[in-house]
Amino acid sequence: MSARPAARAATTNRSELGIGDAFDFLQMVRLEYASDQRVYQDFLVILDRFRAREISLADVCEQVAALFDGRPQLLAGFRRFLPAGTTLPG
């Protein structure tokens, strides 16, 4: 895994996030689950369902927290994209 996405995950302010940061995070997820692409695909489905307004932000947080359980760097990276004050279960 490249150091770039992880380093940016820790230092980027929410207001400074852009499309490149989102792509970097997606790449980080893809690399983390290189041996199990099902998890990456499940993550994309969660995001797509939220975009389509099929699930709420609370549902997204719950599902992503379960999906990334045991991967604190991914949970921290995901938190960067949440509205201020939003928490992940667990």
Protein backbone atom coordinates (compact mmCIF):
# COMPACT_ATOMS: atom_id res chain seq x y z
CA MET A 1 0.00 0.00 0.00
CA SER A 2 1.33 3.44 -0.81
CA ALA A 3 2.01 5.83 2.06
CA ARG A 4 0.25 8.70 0.34
CA PRO A 5 -3.40 7.89 1.16
CA ALA A 6 -2.66 6.90 4.76
CA ALA A 7 -0.58 10.02 5.34
CA ARG A 8 -3.29 12.24 3.90
CA ALA A 9 -5.93 10.47 5.96
CA ALA A 10 -4.36 11.70 9.14
CA THR A 11 -3.67 15.27 8.06
CA THR A 12 -6.47 16.46 5.79
CA ASN A 13 -9.11 18.78 7.20
CA ARG A 14 -12.75 17.96 6.33
CA SER A 15 -13.19 21.29 4.56
CA GLU A 16 -10.17 20.56 2.36
CA LEU A 17 -11.40 17.18 1.08
CA GLY A 18 -11.82 16.81 -2.64
CA ILE A 19 -12.52 14.17 -5.24
CA GLY A 20 -8.85 13.15 -5.20
CA ASP A 21 -9.09 12.39 -1.50
CA ALA A 22 -12.12 10.20 -2.13
CA PHE A 23 -10.29 8.29 -4.87
CA ASP A 24 -7.25 7.92 -2.60
CA PHE A 25 -9.46 6.46 0.11
CA LEU A 26 -11.12 4.06 -2.32
CA GLN A 27 -7.67 2.92 -3.41
CA MET A 28 -6.69 2.43 0.23
CA VAL A 29 -9.77 0.21 0.76
CA ARG A 30 -9.08 -1.73 -2.42
CA LEU A 31 -5.48 -2.37 -1.42
CA GLU A 32 -6.38 -3.31 2.15
CA TYR A 33 -8.77 -5.95 0.85
CA ALA A 34 -6.75 -7.04 -2.18
CA SER A 35 -7.20 -10.67 -1.18
CA ASP A 36 -10.96 -10.26 -0.64
CA GLN A 37 -12.43 -7.93 -3.25
CA ARG A 38 -15.92 -8.81 -1.98
CA VAL A 39 -15.40 -6.36 0.90
CA TYR A 40 -14.42 -3.59 -1.52
CA GLN A 41 -17.48 -4.33 -3.65
CA ASP A 42 -19.71 -4.36 -0.57
CA PHE A 43 -18.35 -0.93 0.38
CA LEU A 44 -19.16 0.44 -3.07
CA VAL A 45 -22.69 -0.98 -2.82
CA ILE A 46 -23.19 0.75 0.54
CA LEU A 47 -22.07 4.07 -0.95
CA ASP A 48 -24.26 3.60 -4.01
CA ARG A 49 -27.31 2.77 -1.90
CA PHE A 50 -26.73 5.92 0.15
CA ARG A 51 -26.36 8.03 -2.98
CA ALA A 52 -29.63 6.56 -4.26
CA ARG A 53 -31.25 7.47 -0.90
CA GLU A 54 -32.09 3.84 -0.20
CA ILE A 55 -30.34 3.94 3.18
CA SER A 56 -29.68 6.65 5.76
CA LEU A 57 -26.36 8.03 6.94
CA ALA A 58 -26.84 6.11 10.19
CA ASP A 59 -27.24 2.91 8.13
CA VAL A 60 -24.08 3.72 6.18
CA CYS A 61 -22.13 4.27 9.40
CA GLU A 62 -23.39 1.02 10.91
CA GLN A 63 -22.65 -1.03 7.79
CA VAL A 64 -19.22 0.50 7.17
CA ALA A 65 -18.24 0.04 10.84
CA ALA A 66 -19.13 -3.65 10.56
CA LEU A 67 -17.40 -4.02 7.19
CA PHE A 68 -14.16 -2.37 8.35
CA ASP A 69 -14.18 -3.97 11.81
CA GLY A 70 -10.59 -4.53 12.95
CA ARG A 71 -9.22 -2.02 10.42
CA PRO A 72 -8.86 1.22 12.44
CA GLN A 73 -6.97 3.00 9.64
CA LEU A 74 -9.93 2.48 7.29
CA LEU A 75 -12.42 3.60 9.91
CA ALA A 76 -10.34 6.73 10.55
CA GLY A 77 -10.12 7.41 6.83
CA PHE A 78 -13.87 6.98 6.41
CA ARG A 79 -14.61 9.30 9.35
CA ARG A 80 -12.92 12.13 7.46
CA PHE A 81 -15.79 12.15 4.95
CA LEU A 82 -18.61 12.21 7.51
CA PRO A 83 -20.39 15.40 8.54
CA ALA A 84 -19.03 16.95 11.74
CA GLY A 85 -20.55 15.32 14.80
CA THR A 86 -21.34 12.02 13.05
CA THR A 87 -20.04 8.98 14.90
CA LEU A 88 -19.47 5.40 13.91
CA PRO A 89 -20.88 2.62 16.09
CA GLY A 90 -18.52 0.66 18.27
